[in-house]
Amino acid sequence: MQLKFTKMHGAGNDFVVIDLISQRFQLKSRHVRLLADRRLGVGCDQVLVVEAPQSPEVDFRYRIYNADGEEVEQCGNGARCFARFVREKRLTRKRVISVETACGILQLRVHDKSQVEVDMGAPQFEPDKIPYAATTRAPEYNMEVDGQSLQIGAVSMGNPHAALRVDNVDTANLEHLGPLIESHEDFPQRTNAGFMQVVSEEEIKLRVYERGVGETLACGTGACAAVVYGICRGWLHDTVTVSLPGGKLKVFWPGEGSSVIMTGPTALVFEGTMSI
């Protein structure tokens, strides 16, 4: 079958977007792995799927698959690309778009052709909600990794995150520590590992080792989790610019119980078809 796709990226975090409203196809894990393969397929960090909603109260169903074929709960950069995609494909003319995901409903607001704002919902800190292997909630946890004692913040933005403050993201040992944190036994569903350098109270630098993908040029939920962790620790103000290898995101969080608002760019790379 010839499957139509669109290649997009948000601050370098790249996606293959599949419209399963206008075309019919039963996407399986092996198809995702093929599409994501950078030598044999299109190449991407995640495959995003547009489906008809299951509830009449929302506009679309938004599904996310990591490059390893596993379906995951959330992807903030992907959500922005999703919003631009459905408008450019004329699946909707709305500027405020409601989508259902595996972790709940997201509100997407299109500011212009490239900038999209996402209401990411309120972060979760309770260990059983992340999930994280702790009996009680704490602002910071001690994690033993390869003989090192690391202080991490554990938070869910619809998917699990471990945020780690470092002196310099460029020299942080992400290549070694990232996979070890991702698969650490304290995170029963694995986790995304964020390495954060605090530049000022309004800016951080961030690199993220994503669950099931590896290091990516940007991670929207990782940016939100790092900012939330930094605000909780008193290092950051409520509005923060997050500088990632692929670009910049703006994250606003007024405090516990409130939604995290993320704004950033989207880009259309190319469109095509692939034999599946």
Foldseek 3Di string as FASTA:
>chain_A
DKFKWFWKWFLQQIETEGECVVPPDDDALVNLLQQCDVPRHVHGQKYWYWAQDPDPVFGTEIWIAGNNSDTAFDFDRVVQQVQLVCCVVVVDVDQWGWYATPQGIKTKGHPDNWKIKIFLFFKDFACVVQPFPDPGGDLWDWDQFPNDTFIWGWIHSRYTETEGEDQDPVPDPCVPVQVRQQPPPRDVVGYKYKYWYQPAQAEIEIWIQGRNRGTTQDTDRSVQRNNQSCVSVVGHDQWHWYQGNSGIKIWGDPDHPGTIMIMGTMGTDGIDIDDD
